[in-house]
Amino acid sequence: MAKVIMWNLMTLDGFVEGPNRDISWHSDVWGEELEQLSTEQMNAAGGLLFGRVTYELMAGHWPSATGEVADFMNAAPKYVFSRTVQKSDWNNTQMFSADVAGTVARLKRDSTKDIFLFGSADLASSLIPHGLIDEFRIAVSPVILGGGTPLFKPGDKVKLKLLDSRPLSTGVVILRYVPAAAQ
């Protein structure tokens, strides 16, 4: 059975994007180390989970991009959850509109390699109460935006256990957590 691993870049004040969906701050911390980590993660991934907003950003970029990451993004199975978008022209994409928790549980059972949840803070917040995220990987960026879209939404308390922390030369700190009940 596969694990669902949430991977997000987040500012020090907890935002995944600034006002008006601004992610320009990503370029402040992108570098060789973060690129290497991304490559390692994509090599371990058996599929990608997206909410609609992240999916639209990814589908607007990767199909015309080139290189190793683009090849992976275009070939990997993609599972997209949206109440409004019903079809996709992006290679290997399946669209789902209902029973998010049940569908993700089935995908975990049916997959042999881990499934990565990229971005998609709203989708993550819908999976957390069901215990469907097995690992939280967060790259904390040394940026304070002061507003935007928070990574975590209001909800029940979830205790986590730190697996690893690793600082990068750009000031980003990679944090890896699992739910404390999963010890």
N, C-alpha and C. Protein backbone atom coordinates (compact mmCIF):
# COMPACT_ATOMS: atom_id res chain seq x y z
N MET A 1 0.84 -1.18 0.00
CA MET A 1 0.00 0.00 0.00
C MET A 1 0.88 1.24 0.00
N ALA A 2 0.53 2.19 -0.81
CA ALA A 2 1.30 3.41 -0.94
C ALA A 2 0.98 4.38 0.20
N LYS A 3 1.90 5.32 0.41
CA LYS A 3 1.67 6.42 1.34
C LYS A 3 1.32 7.65 0.52
N VAL A 4 0.56 8.55 1.14
CA VAL A 4 0.36 9.88 0.57
C VAL A 4 1.31 10.81 1.30
N ILE A 5 2.15 11.47 0.53
CA ILE A 5 3.14 12.39 1.08
C ILE A 5 2.82 13.80 0.60
N MET A 6 2.51 14.68 1.54
CA MET A 6 2.25 16.07 1.19
C MET A 6 3.57 16.80 1.09
N TRP A 7 3.81 17.50 -0.02
CA TRP A 7 5.03 18.27 -0.23
C TRP A 7 4.64 19.70 -0.56
N ASN A 8 5.08 20.63 0.28
CA ASN A 8 4.75 22.03 0.07
C ASN A 8 5.90 22.94 0.43
N LEU A 9 6.01 24.02 -0.29
CA LEU A 9 6.89 25.13 0.05
C LEU A 9 6.01 26.15 0.77
N MET A 10 6.43 26.56 1.97
CA MET A 10 5.62 27.43 2.82
C MET A 10 6.50 28.54 3.39
N THR A 11 5.93 29.73 3.52
CA THR A 11 6.66 30.83 4.13
C THR A 11 6.73 30.64 5.63
N LEU A 12 7.60 31.38 6.27
CA LEU A 12 7.75 31.29 7.72
C LEU A 12 6.44 31.60 8.43
N ASP A 13 5.61 32.46 7.86
CA ASP A 13 4.33 32.77 8.49
C ASP A 13 3.19 31.87 8.01
N GLY A 14 3.52 30.76 7.36
CA GLY A 14 2.54 29.71 7.10
C GLY A 14 1.76 29.78 5.81
N PHE A 15 2.19 30.59 4.85
CA PHE A 15 1.44 30.73 3.60
C PHE A 15 2.10 29.96 2.46
N VAL A 16 1.26 29.38 1.60
CA VAL A 16 1.77 28.69 0.41
C VAL A 16 1.73 29.59 -0.81
N GLU A 17 0.97 30.67 -0.72
CA GLU A 17 0.95 31.68 -1.76
C GLU A 17 0.54 32.99 -1.13
N GLY A 18 1.00 34.07 -1.75
CA GLY A 18 0.65 35.39 -1.26
C GLY A 18 -0.67 35.85 -1.83
N PRO A 19 -1.03 37.10 -1.58
CA PRO A 19 -2.25 37.65 -2.18
C PRO A 19 -2.23 37.50 -3.70
N ASN A 20 -3.40 37.28 -4.27
CA ASN A 20 -3.55 37.10 -5.72
C ASN A 20 -2.76 35.89 -6.24
N ARG A 21 -2.64 34.88 -5.39
CA ARG A 21 -1.97 33.61 -5.74
C ARG A 21 -0.51 33.79 -6.12
N ASP A 22 0.15 34.79 -5.55
CA ASP A 22 1.54 35.10 -5.86
C ASP A 22 2.48 34.04 -5.27
N ILE A 23 3.25 33.40 -6.14
CA ILE A 23 4.28 32.45 -5.68
C ILE A 23 5.66 32.88 -6.16
N SER A 24 5.81 34.15 -6.49
CA SER A 24 7.10 34.65 -6.98
C SER A 24 8.22 34.44 -5.97
N TRP A 25 7.89 34.36 -4.68
CA TRP A 25 8.89 34.15 -3.64
C TRP A 25 9.56 32.78 -3.75
N HIS A 26 8.98 31.85 -4.50
CA HIS A 26 9.62 30.54 -4.71
C HIS A 26 11.00 30.71 -5.33
N SER A 27 11.12 31.66 -6.26
CA SER A 27 12.39 31.85 -6.94
C SER A 27 13.48 32.38 -6.00
N ASP A 28 13.09 32.96 -4.87
CA ASP A 28 14.08 33.44 -3.89
C ASP A 28 14.84 32.30 -3.23
N VAL A 29 14.23 31.12 -3.18
CA VAL A 29 14.85 30.01 -2.45
C VAL A 29 15.16 28.80 -3.33
N TRP A 30 14.74 28.87 -4.60
CA TRP A 30 15.02 27.75 -5.49
C TRP A 30 16.51 27.70 -5.77
N GLY A 31 17.06 26.52 -5.76
CA GLY A 31 18.48 26.35 -6.03
C GLY A 31 18.79 24.89 -6.26
N GLU A 32 20.07 24.60 -6.37
CA GLU A 32 20.52 23.25 -6.68
C GLU A 32 20.02 22.22 -5.66
N GLU A 33 20.07 22.56 -4.38
CA GLU A 33 19.66 21.60 -3.34
C GLU A 33 18.17 21.28 -3.43
N LEU A 34 17.34 22.29 -3.61
CA LEU A 34 15.90 22.07 -3.70
C LEU A 34 15.55 21.33 -4.99
N GLU A 35 16.28 21.63 -6.05
CA GLU A 35 16.07 20.91 -7.31
C GLU A 35 16.45 19.44 -7.15
N GLN A 36 17.56 19.16 -6.45
CA GLN A 36 17.98 17.77 -6.23
C GLN A 36 16.94 17.02 -5.39
N LEU A 37 16.42 17.67 -4.34
CA LEU A 37 15.39 17.05 -3.52
C LEU A 37 14.14 16.77 -4.35
N SER A 38 13.77 17.70 -5.19
CA SER A 38 12.60 17.51 -6.05
C SER A 38 12.80 16.32 -6.99
N THR A 39 13.99 16.18 -7.53
CA THR A 39 14.30 15.05 -8.41
C THR A 39 14.22 13.73 -7.64
N GLU A 40 14.77 13.70 -6.43
CA GLU A 40 14.70 12.49 -5.61
C GLU A 40 13.25 12.11 -5.33
N GLN A 41 12.44 13.11 -5.00
CA GLN A 41 11.04 12.84 -4.69
C GLN A 41 10.28 12.35 -5.92
N MET A 42 10.54 12.95 -7.07
CA MET A 42 9.80 12.52 -8.25
C MET A 42 10.19 11.09 -8.63
N ASN A 43 11.43 10.71 -8.40
CA ASN A 43 11.85 9.34 -8.69
C ASN A 43 11.18 8.32 -7.77
N ALA A 44 10.74 8.77 -6.60
CA ALA A 44 10.06 7.88 -5.65
C ALA A 44 8.54 7.87 -5.84
N ALA A 45 8.02 8.79 -6.64
CA ALA A 45 6.58 8.97 -6.76
C ALA A 45 5.95 8.01 -7.76
N GLY A 46 4.82 7.47 -7.34
CA GLY A 46 4.03 6.64 -8.25
C GLY A 46 2.85 7.40 -8.83
N GLY A 47 2.62 8.60 -8.33
CA GLY A 47 1.52 9.41 -8.82
C GLY A 47 1.49 10.74 -8.10
N LEU A 48 0.69 11.66 -8.63
CA LEU A 48 0.60 13.01 -8.07
C LEU A 48 -0.87 13.35 -7.82
N LEU A 49 -1.13 13.95 -6.66
CA LEU A 49 -2.48 14.43 -6.32
C LEU A 49 -2.49 15.95 -6.44
N PHE A 50 -3.55 16.47 -7.04
CA PHE A 50 -3.71 17.92 -7.16
C PHE A 50 -5.15 18.31 -6.89
N GLY A 51 -5.33 19.47 -6.29
CA GLY A 51 -6.61 20.15 -6.31
C GLY A 51 -6.68 20.94 -7.60
N ARG A 52 -7.82 21.54 -7.88
CA ARG A 52 -8.03 22.22 -9.15
C ARG A 52 -7.05 23.36 -9.41
N VAL A 53 -6.85 24.22 -8.41
CA VAL A 53 -6.01 25.40 -8.63
C VAL A 53 -4.57 25.00 -8.96
N THR A 54 -4.00 24.10 -8.17
CA THR A 54 -2.63 23.66 -8.43
C THR A 54 -2.56 22.92 -9.77
N TYR A 55 -3.56 22.09 -10.02
CA TYR A 55 -3.61 21.38 -11.29
C TYR A 55 -3.57 22.36 -12.47
N GLU A 56 -4.38 23.41 -12.42
CA GLU A 56 -4.42 24.35 -13.53
C GLU A 56 -3.08 25.05 -13.73
N LEU A 57 -2.39 25.37 -12.62
CA LEU A 57 -1.05 25.95 -12.74
C LEU A 57 -0.08 24.97 -13.39
N MET A 58 -0.10 23.72 -12.92
CA MET A 58 0.80 22.69 -13.44
C MET A 58 0.49 22.37 -14.91
N ALA A 59 -0.79 22.19 -15.22
CA ALA A 59 -1.20 21.84 -16.58
C ALA A 59 -0.94 22.98 -17.55
N GLY A 60 -0.86 24.19 -17.04
CA GLY A 60 -0.54 25.33 -17.89
C GLY A 60 0.94 25.48 -18.16
N HIS A 61 1.75 24.77 -17.40
CA HIS A 61 3.20 24.91 -17.55
C HIS A 61 3.88 23.67 -18.14
N TRP A 62 3.68 22.50 -17.53
CA TRP A 62 4.50 21.32 -17.84
C TRP A 62 4.31 20.73 -19.23
N PRO A 63 3.13 20.70 -19.82
CA PRO A 63 3.01 20.06 -21.14
C PRO A 63 3.92 20.67 -22.22
N SER A 64 4.26 21.93 -22.11
CA SER A 64 5.13 22.53 -23.12
C SER A 64 6.57 22.69 -22.63
N ALA A 65 6.85 22.26 -21.41
CA ALA A 65 8.20 22.37 -20.85
C ALA A 65 9.05 21.18 -21.30
N THR A 66 10.37 21.32 -21.17
CA THR A 66 11.29 20.25 -21.53
C THR A 66 12.24 19.99 -20.38
N GLY A 67 12.89 18.83 -20.40
CA GLY A 67 13.85 18.47 -19.37
C GLY A 67 13.36 17.31 -18.52
N GLU A 68 14.21 16.91 -17.58
CA GLU A 68 13.93 15.74 -16.76
C GLU A 68 12.67 15.90 -15.92
N VAL A 69 12.51 17.06 -15.26
CA VAL A 69 11.33 17.28 -14.44
C VAL A 69 10.08 17.31 -15.30
N ALA A 70 10.15 17.98 -16.43
CA ALA A 70 9.00 18.04 -17.34
C ALA A 70 8.63 16.64 -17.83
N ASP A 71 9.62 15.84 -18.19
CA ASP A 71 9.35 14.47 -18.64
C ASP A 71 8.60 13.70 -17.56
N PHE A 72 9.06 13.84 -16.31
CA PHE A 72 8.39 13.15 -15.21
C PHE A 72 6.96 13.66 -15.04
N MET A 73 6.81 14.98 -14.96
CA MET A 73 5.49 15.58 -14.71
C MET A 73 4.49 15.18 -15.81
N ASN A 74 4.96 15.10 -17.02
CA ASN A 74 4.06 14.76 -18.12
C ASN A 74 3.74 13.27 -18.18
N ALA A 75 4.63 12.42 -17.70
CA ALA A 75 4.41 10.97 -17.77
C ALA A 75 3.71 10.41 -16.53
N ALA A 76 3.89 11.05 -15.38
CA ALA A 76 3.37 10.50 -14.12
C ALA A 76 1.85 10.47 -14.12
N PRO A 77 1.28 9.45 -13.45
CA PRO A 77 -0.17 9.47 -13.23
C PRO A 77 -0.54 10.67 -12.37
N LYS A 78 -1.59 11.38 -12.79
CA LYS A 78 -2.05 12.56 -12.05
C LYS A 78 -3.51 12.36 -11.67
N TYR A 79 -3.81 12.60 -10.39
CA TYR A 79 -5.16 12.46 -9.86
C TYR A 79 -5.62 13.83 -9.41
N VAL A 80 -6.65 14.35 -10.06
CA VAL A 80 -7.08 15.73 -9.84
C VAL A 80 -8.50 15.73 -9.26
N PHE A 81 -8.67 16.52 -8.20
CA PHE A 81 -9.98 16.65 -7.56
C PHE A 81 -10.52 18.05 -7.82
N SER A 82 -11.68 18.09 -8.47
CA SER A 82 -12.31 19.36 -8.82
C SER A 82 -13.81 19.18 -8.94
N ARG A 83 -14.55 20.16 -8.46
CA ARG A 83 -16.00 20.16 -8.64
C ARG A 83 -16.38 20.84 -9.95
N THR A 84 -15.44 21.53 -10.58
CA THR A 84 -15.78 22.30 -11.79
C THR A 84 -15.11 21.79 -13.06
N VAL A 85 -13.87 21.35 -12.98
CA VAL A 85 -13.16 20.85 -14.16
C VAL A 85 -13.43 19.35 -14.26
N GLN A 86 -13.93 18.92 -15.42
CA GLN A 86 -14.33 17.53 -15.56
C GLN A 86 -13.47 16.71 -16.51
N LYS A 87 -12.66 17.38 -17.34
CA LYS A 87 -11.80 16.63 -18.25
C LYS A 87 -10.46 17.34 -18.37
N SER A 88 -9.48 16.57 -18.81
CA SER A 88 -8.13 17.11 -18.93
C SER A 88 -7.50 16.66 -20.23
N ASP A 89 -6.72 17.55 -20.82
CA ASP A 89 -5.94 17.19 -22.00
C ASP A 89 -4.51 16.83 -21.64
N TRP A 90 -4.16 16.95 -20.36
CA TRP A 90 -2.80 16.65 -19.90
C TRP A 90 -2.65 15.14 -19.77
N ASN A 91 -1.60 14.62 -20.34
CA ASN A 91 -1.31 13.18 -20.36
C ASN A 91 -1.44 12.53 -18.98
N ASN A 92 -2.04 11.34 -18.94
CA ASN A 92 -2.14 10.51 -17.73
C ASN A 92 -2.85 11.20 -16.58
N THR A 93 -3.90 11.95 -16.85
CA THR A 93 -4.65 12.65 -15.81
C THR A 93 -6.04 12.05 -15.67
N GLN A 94 -6.39 11.74 -14.42
CA GLN A 94 -7.73 11.29 -14.09
C GLN A 94 -8.40 12.37 -13.24
N MET A 95 -9.64 12.69 -13.56
CA MET A 95 -10.40 13.72 -12.84
C MET A 95 -11.40 13.04 -11.91
N PHE A 96 -11.54 13.60 -10.70
CA PHE A 96 -12.50 13.12 -9.72
C PHE A 96 -13.26 14.32 -9.17
N SER A 97 -14.55 14.14 -8.91
CA SER A 97 -15.33 15.27 -8.40
C SER A 97 -16.00 14.98 -7.06
N ALA A 98 -16.05 13.75 -6.64
CA ALA A 98 -16.76 13.42 -5.40
C ALA A 98 -15.99 12.37 -4.61
N ASP A 99 -16.40 12.18 -3.37
CA ASP A 99 -15.82 11.18 -2.46
C ASP A 99 -14.29 11.25 -2.45
N VAL A 100 -13.79 12.42 -2.11
CA VAL A 100 -12.34 12.64 -2.09
C VAL A 100 -11.65 11.63 -1.18
N ALA A 101 -12.13 11.50 0.06
CA ALA A 101 -11.48 10.60 1.02
C ALA A 101 -11.51 9.15 0.54
N GLY A 102 -12.65 8.70 0.06
CA GLY A 102 -12.76 7.32 -0.41
C GLY A 102 -11.89 7.06 -1.63
N THR A 103 -11.83 8.02 -2.52
CA THR A 103 -11.01 7.87 -3.72
C THR A 103 -9.52 7.83 -3.37
N VAL A 104 -9.09 8.71 -2.48
CA VAL A 104 -7.67 8.72 -2.09
C VAL A 104 -7.33 7.42 -1.35
N ALA A 105 -8.21 6.95 -0.50
CA ALA A 105 -7.97 5.67 0.20
C ALA A 105 -7.82 4.54 -0.81
N ARG A 106 -8.65 4.54 -1.85
CA ARG A 106 -8.55 3.50 -2.89
C ARG A 106 -7.25 3.64 -3.67
N LEU A 107 -6.88 4.86 -4.03
CA LEU A 107 -5.62 5.08 -4.75
C LEU A 107 -4.43 4.57 -3.93
N LYS A 108 -4.45 4.81 -2.62
CA LYS A 108 -3.38 4.32 -1.75
C LYS A 108 -3.33 2.79 -1.77
N ARG A 109 -4.48 2.16 -1.69
CA ARG A 109 -4.54 0.69 -1.69
C ARG A 109 -4.05 0.12 -3.01
N ASP A 110 -4.39 0.79 -4.12
CA ASP A 110 -4.09 0.26 -5.45
C ASP A 110 -2.70 0.60 -5.96
N SER A 111 -1.99 1.50 -5.28
CA SER A 111 -0.68 1.95 -5.75
C SER A 111 0.44 1.23 -5.02
N THR A 112 1.51 0.96 -5.73
CA THR A 112 2.66 0.32 -5.10
C THR A 112 3.72 1.36 -4.71
N LYS A 113 3.73 2.50 -5.41
CA LYS A 113 4.67 3.57 -5.09
C LYS A 113 3.91 4.73 -4.46
N ASP A 114 4.60 5.51 -3.65
CA ASP A 114 3.97 6.60 -2.93
C ASP A 114 3.37 7.64 -3.87
N ILE A 115 2.33 8.29 -3.36
CA ILE A 115 1.62 9.32 -4.10
C ILE A 115 1.93 10.66 -3.43
N PHE A 116 2.36 11.62 -4.23
CA PHE A 116 2.72 12.93 -3.69
C PHE A 116 1.61 13.94 -3.93
N LEU A 117 1.27 14.65 -2.88
CA LEU A 117 0.31 15.74 -2.93
C LEU A 117 1.10 17.03 -3.01
N PHE A 118 1.11 17.66 -4.18
CA PHE A 118 1.87 18.90 -4.39
C PHE A 118 0.94 20.09 -4.24
N GLY A 119 1.37 21.10 -3.48
CA GLY A 119 0.55 22.29 -3.30
C GLY A 119 -0.80 21.89 -2.74
N SER A 120 -1.86 22.41 -3.33
CA SER A 120 -3.22 21.93 -3.05
C SER A 120 -3.58 21.96 -1.57
N ALA A 121 -3.43 23.12 -0.94
CA ALA A 121 -3.72 23.26 0.50
C ALA A 121 -5.16 22.89 0.83
N ASP A 122 -6.11 23.23 -0.03
CA ASP A 122 -7.51 22.88 0.24
C ASP A 122 -7.71 21.37 0.20
N LEU A 123 -7.11 20.71 -0.78
CA LEU A 123 -7.21 19.25 -0.87
C LEU A 123 -6.57 18.62 0.36
N ALA A 124 -5.40 19.10 0.76
CA ALA A 124 -4.73 18.57 1.96
C ALA A 124 -5.63 18.71 3.18
N SER A 125 -6.28 19.87 3.32
CA SER A 125 -7.13 20.07 4.50
C SER A 125 -8.33 19.14 4.51
N SER A 126 -8.76 18.67 3.33
CA SER A 126 -9.87 17.71 3.30
C SER A 126 -9.41 16.29 3.59
N LEU A 127 -8.12 16.01 3.44
CA LEU A 127 -7.59 14.66 3.70
C LEU A 127 -7.13 14.47 5.14
N ILE A 128 -6.67 15.55 5.76
CA ILE A 128 -6.12 15.46 7.13
C ILE A 128 -7.11 14.86 8.12
N PRO A 129 -8.38 15.29 8.16
CA PRO A 129 -9.30 14.71 9.16
C PRO A 129 -9.53 13.21 8.99
N HIS A 130 -9.27 12.69 7.80
CA HIS A 130 -9.47 11.27 7.53
C HIS A 130 -8.18 10.46 7.73
N GLY A 131 -7.11 11.12 8.16
CA GLY A 131 -5.85 10.42 8.38
C GLY A 131 -5.23 9.89 7.11
N LEU A 132 -5.48 10.54 5.99
CA LEU A 132 -5.00 10.02 4.71
C LEU A 132 -3.65 10.56 4.28
N ILE A 133 -3.09 11.51 5.02
CA ILE A 133 -1.75 11.98 4.72
C ILE A 133 -0.79 11.27 5.68
N ASP A 134 0.11 10.50 5.10
CA ASP A 134 1.02 9.67 5.89
C ASP A 134 2.30 10.39 6.27
N GLU A 135 2.66 11.40 5.48
CA GLU A 135 3.87 12.17 5.79
C GLU A 135 3.69 13.60 5.29
N PHE A 136 4.15 14.54 6.10
CA PHE A 136 4.12 15.95 5.76
C PHE A 136 5.56 16.38 5.51
N ARG A 137 5.86 16.81 4.30
CA ARG A 137 7.18 17.35 3.97
C ARG A 137 6.97 18.83 3.63
N ILE A 138 7.59 19.66 4.43
CA ILE A 138 7.38 21.09 4.27
C ILE A 138 8.73 21.78 4.16
N ALA A 139 8.88 22.56 3.11
CA ALA A 139 10.07 23.38 2.94
C ALA A 139 9.71 24.78 3.45
N VAL A 140 10.21 25.14 4.63
CA VAL A 140 9.90 26.44 5.22
C VAL A 140 10.88 27.46 4.67
N SER A 141 10.32 28.46 4.01
CA SER A 141 11.11 29.50 3.36
C SER A 141 11.30 30.69 4.29
N PRO A 142 12.49 31.30 4.30
CA PRO A 142 12.74 32.43 5.18
C PRO A 142 12.14 33.73 4.61
N VAL A 143 10.83 33.68 4.40
CA VAL A 143 10.08 34.81 3.87
C VAL A 143 8.84 34.98 4.72
N ILE A 144 8.50 36.23 5.04
CA ILE A 144 7.24 36.53 5.72
C ILE A 144 6.40 37.34 4.73
N LEU A 145 5.25 36.75 4.33
CA LEU A 145 4.40 37.41 3.35
C LEU A 145 3.38 38.35 4.00
N GLY A 146 2.96 38.02 5.20
CA GLY A 146 1.98 38.85 5.88
C GLY A 146 0.55 38.61 5.45
N GLY A 147 0.32 37.71 4.51
CA GLY A 147 -1.03 37.39 4.06
C GLY A 147 -0.97 36.48 2.86
N GLY A 148 -2.10 35.84 2.58
CA GLY A 148 -2.18 34.92 1.46
C GLY A 148 -2.99 33.70 1.81
N THR A 149 -2.64 32.60 1.21
CA THR A 149 -3.33 31.33 1.43
C THR A 149 -2.53 30.50 2.42
N PRO A 150 -3.12 30.18 3.59
CA PRO A 150 -2.39 29.38 4.56
C PRO A 150 -2.30 27.92 4.12
N LEU A 151 -1.22 27.25 4.51
CA LEU A 151 -1.09 25.83 4.20
C LEU A 151 -2.13 25.03 4.96
N PHE A 152 -2.29 25.32 6.24
CA PHE A 152 -3.23 24.57 7.06
C PHE A 152 -4.45 25.40 7.37
N LYS A 153 -5.61 24.78 7.22
CA LYS A 153 -6.89 25.43 7.48
C LYS A 153 -7.35 25.10 8.90
N PRO A 154 -8.26 25.90 9.44
CA PRO A 154 -8.80 25.57 10.77
C PRO A 154 -9.41 24.17 10.76
N GLY A 155 -9.21 23.47 11.84
CA GLY A 155 -9.73 22.11 11.94
C GLY A 155 -9.28 21.49 13.25
N ASP A 156 -9.39 20.19 13.32
CA ASP A 156 -9.00 19.47 14.53
C ASP A 156 -7.49 19.48 14.72
N LYS A 157 -7.09 19.39 15.96
CA LYS A 157 -5.67 19.29 16.31
C LYS A 157 -5.12 17.96 15.82
N VAL A 158 -3.95 18.00 15.23
CA VAL A 158 -3.26 16.79 14.77
C VAL A 158 -1.84 16.85 15.33
N LYS A 159 -1.49 15.86 16.13
CA LYS A 159 -0.12 15.80 16.67
C LYS A 159 0.78 15.09 15.67
N LEU A 160 1.97 15.67 15.49
CA LEU A 160 2.92 15.13 14.53
C LEU A 160 4.22 14.78 15.23
N LYS A 161 4.94 13.85 14.63
CA LYS A 161 6.26 13.45 15.13
C LYS A 161 7.28 13.84 14.07
N LEU A 162 8.33 14.57 14.49
CA LEU A 162 9.39 14.99 13.58
C LEU A 162 10.24 13.78 13.19
N LEU A 163 10.40 13.58 11.88
CA LEU A 163 11.28 12.53 11.37
C LEU A 163 12.66 13.07 11.07
N ASP A 164 12.68 14.32 10.53
CA ASP A 164 13.94 14.85 10.05
C ASP A 164 13.80 16.34 9.81
N SER A 165 14.90 17.07 9.99
CA SER A 165 14.95 18.47 9.60
C SER A 165 16.31 18.72 8.95
N ARG A 166 16.28 19.50 7.88
CA ARG A 166 17.53 19.73 7.15
C ARG A 166 17.55 21.14 6.58
N PRO A 167 18.51 21.96 7.00
CA PRO A 167 18.62 23.29 6.42
C PRO A 167 19.34 23.25 5.07
N LEU A 168 18.92 24.13 4.17
CA LEU A 168 19.58 24.26 2.88
C LEU A 168 20.31 25.60 2.84
N SER A 169 21.23 25.73 1.91
CA SER A 169 22.05 26.93 1.84
C SER A 169 21.25 28.19 1.51
N THR A 170 20.05 28.04 0.92
CA THR A 170 19.21 29.19 0.58
C THR A 170 18.42 29.70 1.78
N GLY A 171 18.54 29.02 2.92
CA GLY A 171 17.79 29.40 4.12
C GLY A 171 16.53 28.59 4.32
N VAL A 172 16.15 27.80 3.34
CA VAL A 172 15.00 26.91 3.48
C VAL A 172 15.35 25.81 4.48
N VAL A 173 14.36 25.41 5.28
CA VAL A 173 14.53 24.26 6.16
C VAL A 173 13.48 23.22 5.75
N ILE A 174 13.95 22.02 5.43
CA ILE A 174 13.06 20.92 5.06
C ILE A 174 12.67 20.19 6.34
N LEU A 175 11.38 20.12 6.59
CA LEU A 175 10.85 19.42 7.75
C LEU A 175 10.04 18.22 7.28
N ARG A 176 10.25 17.08 7.95
CA ARG A 176 9.48 15.87 7.64
C ARG A 176 8.80 15.39 8.90
N TYR A 177 7.48 15.24 8.83
CA TYR A 177 6.67 14.80 9.95
C TYR A 177 5.76 13.65 9.55
N VAL A 178 5.40 12.82 10.53
CA VAL A 178 4.34 11.83 10.36
C VAL A 178 3.34 12.07 11.48
N PRO A 179 2.09 11.65 11.27
CA PRO A 179 1.13 11.75 12.38
C PRO A 179 1.64 10.96 13.58
N ALA A 180 1.53 11.54 14.77
CA ALA A 180 2.07 10.91 15.97
C ALA A 180 1.47 9.54 16.21
N ALA A 181 0.23 9.33 15.82
CA ALA A 181 -0.41 8.02 15.97
C ALA A 181 0.24 6.96 15.09
N ALA A 182 1.01 7.37 14.08
CA ALA A 182 1.63 6.44 13.15
C ALA A 182 2.98 5.95 13.66
N GLN A 183 3.34 6.28 14.88
CA GLN A 183 4.66 5.91 15.40
C GLN A 183 4.85 4.41 15.44
